[in-house]
């Protein structure tokens, strides 16, 4: 990591935007139940639909990453996530929640797949186990700040404000990602 600042910058960006993603996923059921009156059965159905759409999103954004760039694909998903937070703030119906769930599913698979692919491009092969270990650790650490902030804002203000605040994680991650230089080919092994 000391030898490759691009990996460090990417992991910092991932820490932030993945915290937003993980918090959005975990808190969606609370938002759906309290703000829109979803039953547990309806929420389970919606989450199953999101997972099915995420599969196709991973394929679509995998193609996009190969055709355009991994960094651009991640940036597009983060832009959609910011839009999701803004949309959720004003959401009023269950139908809107289902449509929003499909949109989240589309970018959920895409952001995760493009993130792993970009890290693979940045990582020298002889350090892949170490770097992907840091990636896994970063993924676990990225589930801490978002839920705490979400809970605090939900207590102080309301759930809609808490959801809106998640856009800051996506914007901050996008800001750091901007400075990551994506290689045009995988790094060559060090000798």
Protein backbone atom coordinates (compact mmCIF):
# COMPACT_ATOMS: atom_id res chain seq x y z
CA UNK A 1 0.00 0.00 0.00
CA UNK A 2 2.90 2.35 0.70
CA UNK A 3 4.25 1.64 -2.77
CA UNK A 4 0.95 2.30 -4.54
CA UNK A 5 -0.91 5.45 -3.55
CA UNK A 6 -3.64 4.73 -6.10
CA UNK A 7 -4.70 1.67 -4.10
CA UNK A 8 -4.74 3.74 -0.91
CA UNK A 9 -6.88 6.44 -2.56
CA UNK A 10 -9.22 3.83 -3.98
CA UNK A 11 -9.66 2.10 -0.61
CA UNK A 12 -10.37 5.47 1.04
CA UNK A 13 -13.05 6.18 -1.58
CA UNK A 14 -14.45 2.66 -1.21
CA UNK A 15 -14.60 3.00 2.57
CA UNK A 16 -16.84 6.05 2.20
CA UNK A 17 -19.14 5.05 -0.62
CA UNK A 18 -19.49 1.47 0.58
CA UNK A 19 -20.52 2.80 4.00
CA UNK A 20 -23.32 4.65 2.23
CA UNK A 21 -24.32 1.53 0.27
CA UNK A 22 -24.33 -0.75 3.30
CA UNK A 23 -26.27 1.74 5.40
CA UNK A 24 -28.82 2.27 2.63
CA UNK A 25 -29.38 -1.47 2.34
CA UNK A 26 -29.71 -2.07 6.08
CA UNK A 27 -31.92 0.94 6.78
CA UNK A 28 -34.22 0.51 3.75
CA UNK A 29 -36.46 -1.93 5.60
CA UNK A 30 -36.86 0.48 8.52
CA UNK A 31 -37.67 3.30 6.11
CA UNK A 32 -40.15 1.16 4.16
CA UNK A 33 -41.93 -0.06 7.27
CA UNK A 34 -42.11 3.22 9.19
CA UNK A 35 -42.51 5.76 6.42
CA UNK A 36 -44.53 3.78 3.87
CA UNK A 37 -46.25 1.07 5.92
CA UNK A 38 -44.63 -1.99 4.29
CA UNK A 39 -45.38 -5.34 5.90
CA UNK A 40 -42.59 -7.81 6.53
CA UNK A 41 -43.79 -9.96 3.61
CA UNK A 42 -43.77 -6.96 1.25
CA UNK A 43 -40.24 -6.03 2.34
CA UNK A 44 -38.99 -9.57 1.76
CA UNK A 45 -40.51 -9.53 -1.73
CA UNK A 46 -38.90 -6.19 -2.49
CA UNK A 47 -35.48 -7.34 -1.29
CA UNK A 48 -35.72 -10.51 -3.40
CA UNK A 49 -36.50 -8.35 -6.42
CA UNK A 50 -33.51 -6.12 -5.62
CA UNK A 51 -31.20 -9.15 -5.50
CA UNK A 52 -32.50 -10.44 -8.85
CA UNK A 53 -32.01 -7.03 -10.48
CA UNK A 54 -28.52 -6.77 -8.91
CA UNK A 55 -27.44 -9.82 -10.90
CA UNK A 56 -28.34 -8.09 -14.16
CA UNK A 57 -26.83 -4.83 -12.92
CA UNK A 58 -23.52 -6.60 -12.30
CA UNK A 59 -23.54 -7.90 -15.87
CA UNK A 60 -24.47 -4.53 -17.36
CA UNK A 61 -21.92 -2.56 -15.37
CA UNK A 62 -19.28 -5.23 -16.02
CA UNK A 63 -19.79 -4.61 -19.71
CA UNK A 64 -19.76 -0.84 -19.10
CA UNK A 65 -16.52 -1.09 -17.13
CA UNK A 66 -14.85 -3.06 -19.91
CA UNK A 67 -16.12 -0.72 -22.61
CA UNK A 68 -15.59 2.67 -20.91
CA UNK A 69 -13.66 2.34 -17.64
CA UNK A 70 -14.08 0.85 -14.20
CA UNK A 71 -13.72 4.22 -12.55
CA UNK A 72 -16.43 5.77 -14.75
CA UNK A 73 -18.75 2.84 -14.05
CA UNK A 74 -18.30 3.28 -10.31
CA UNK A 75 -18.82 7.04 -10.66
CA UNK A 76 -22.08 6.46 -12.56
CA UNK A 77 -23.37 4.15 -9.82
CA UNK A 78 -22.47 6.71 -7.16
CA UNK A 79 -24.34 9.40 -9.08
CA UNK A 80 -27.39 7.12 -9.14
CA UNK A 81 -27.04 6.48 -5.40
CA UNK A 82 -27.04 10.23 -4.76
CA UNK A 83 -30.21 10.46 -6.86
CA UNK A 84 -31.72 7.58 -4.86
CA UNK A 85 -31.15 9.45 -1.60
CA UNK A 86 -32.76 12.59 -3.02
CA UNK A 87 -35.69 10.58 -4.39
CA UNK A 88 -36.21 8.71 -1.10
CA UNK A 89 -36.36 12.01 0.77
CA UNK A 90 -39.55 12.93 -1.10
CA UNK A 91 -40.99 9.44 -1.60
CA UNK A 92 -44.62 8.92 -0.60
CA UNK A 93 -45.91 5.63 -2.07
CA UNK A 94 -45.10 1.93 -1.98
CA UNK A 95 -44.96 1.90 -5.78
CA UNK A 96 -42.19 4.50 -5.72
CA UNK A 97 -40.29 2.33 -3.23
CA UNK A 98 -40.51 -0.68 -5.57
CA UNK A 99 -39.21 1.35 -8.51
CA UNK A 100 -36.47 2.82 -6.34
CA UNK A 101 -35.60 -0.73 -5.20
CA UNK A 102 -35.14 -1.80 -8.82
CA UNK A 103 -32.85 1.19 -9.43
CA UNK A 104 -30.83 0.33 -6.32
CA UNK A 105 -30.60 -3.29 -7.45
CA UNK A 106 -29.25 -2.21 -10.81
CA UNK A 107 -26.41 -0.17 -9.32
CA UNK A 108 -25.84 -2.44 -6.32
CA UNK A 109 -24.44 -5.26 -8.41
CA UNK A 110 -22.64 -2.82 -10.68
CA UNK A 111 -20.85 -0.84 -7.98
CA UNK A 112 -19.57 -3.96 -6.24
CA UNK A 113 -18.39 -5.67 -9.43
CA UNK A 114 -16.70 -2.55 -10.84
CA UNK A 115 -15.01 -1.87 -7.48
CA UNK A 116 -13.44 -5.33 -7.35
CA UNK A 117 -12.37 -5.07 -10.98
CA UNK A 118 -10.76 -1.67 -10.50
CA UNK A 119 -8.87 -2.93 -7.47
CA UNK A 120 -7.65 -5.91 -9.51
CA UNK A 121 -6.33 -3.51 -12.16
CA UNK A 122 -4.52 -1.45 -9.52
CA UNK A 123 -3.00 -4.42 -7.68
CA UNK A 124 0.34 -6.01 -8.59
CA UNK A 125 -0.25 -9.78 -8.89
CA UNK A 126 2.30 -10.68 -6.21
CA UNK A 127 0.39 -8.56 -3.66
CA UNK A 128 -3.16 -9.55 -4.62
CA UNK A 129 -3.84 -11.59 -1.47
CA UNK A 130 -2.67 -8.76 0.80
CA UNK A 131 -4.50 -6.01 -1.07
CA UNK A 132 -7.76 -7.95 -1.36
CA UNK A 133 -7.42 -8.71 2.35
CA UNK A 134 -7.30 -4.94 2.96
CA UNK A 135 -10.28 -4.59 0.62
CA UNK A 136 -12.28 -7.11 2.68
CA UNK A 137 -11.28 -5.36 5.91
CA UNK A 138 -12.26 -1.99 4.42
CA UNK A 139 -15.63 -3.47 3.48
CA UNK A 140 -16.19 -4.57 7.09
CA UNK A 141 -15.05 -1.21 8.51
CA UNK A 142 -17.36 0.60 6.12
CA UNK A 143 -20.39 -0.58 8.05
CA UNK A 144 -19.67 1.49 11.16
CA UNK A 145 -20.04 5.24 10.61
CA UNK A 146 -23.10 5.23 8.33
CA UNK A 147 -25.52 3.43 10.67
CA UNK A 148 -24.39 5.57 13.63
CA UNK A 149 -24.91 8.79 11.66
CA UNK A 150 -28.20 7.50 10.25
CA UNK A 151 -29.50 6.60 13.73
CA UNK A 152 -28.43 9.92 15.22
CA UNK A 153 -30.08 11.95 12.45
CA UNK A 154 -33.23 9.82 12.60
CA UNK A 155 -33.46 10.58 16.35
CA UNK A 156 -32.72 14.28 16.00
CA UNK A 157 -34.71 14.93 12.80
CA UNK A 158 -36.48 12.08 10.97
CA UNK A 159 -35.85 9.06 8.75
CA UNK A 160 -36.08 11.09 5.55
CA UNK A 161 -33.32 13.44 6.67
CA UNK A 162 -31.22 10.43 7.71
CA UNK A 163 -31.61 8.88 4.23
CA UNK A 164 -30.75 12.19 2.59
CA UNK A 165 -27.55 12.40 4.67
CA UNK A 166 -26.26 9.20 3.05
CA UNK A 167 -25.70 11.16 -0.16
CA UNK A 168 -22.70 12.75 1.60
CA UNK A 169 -20.98 9.34 1.74
CA UNK A 170 -21.49 8.85 -2.00
CA UNK A 171 -20.37 12.39 -2.83
CA UNK A 172 -17.24 12.11 -0.64
CA UNK A 173 -16.37 8.70 -2.12
CA UNK A 174 -16.89 10.09 -5.61
CA UNK A 175 -14.65 13.06 -4.78
CA UNK A 176 -11.77 10.82 -3.72
CA UNK A 177 -12.36 8.40 -6.59
CA UNK A 178 -11.88 11.29 -9.01
CA UNK A 179 -8.18 11.41 -8.01
CA UNK A 180 -7.56 7.69 -8.53
CA UNK A 181 -5.62 7.09 -11.74
CA UNK A 182 -6.97 4.02 -13.46
CA UNK A 183 -4.32 2.03 -15.33
CA UNK A 184 -5.02 1.01 -18.91
CA UNK A 185 -3.69 -2.49 -18.22
CA UNK A 186 -3.03 -4.58 -15.12
CA UNK A 187 0.25 -3.83 -13.30
CA UNK A 188 3.26 -5.93 -14.11
CA UNK A 189 4.82 -8.04 -11.36
CA UNK A 190 7.73 -6.53 -9.46
CA UNK A 191 11.02 -8.42 -9.72
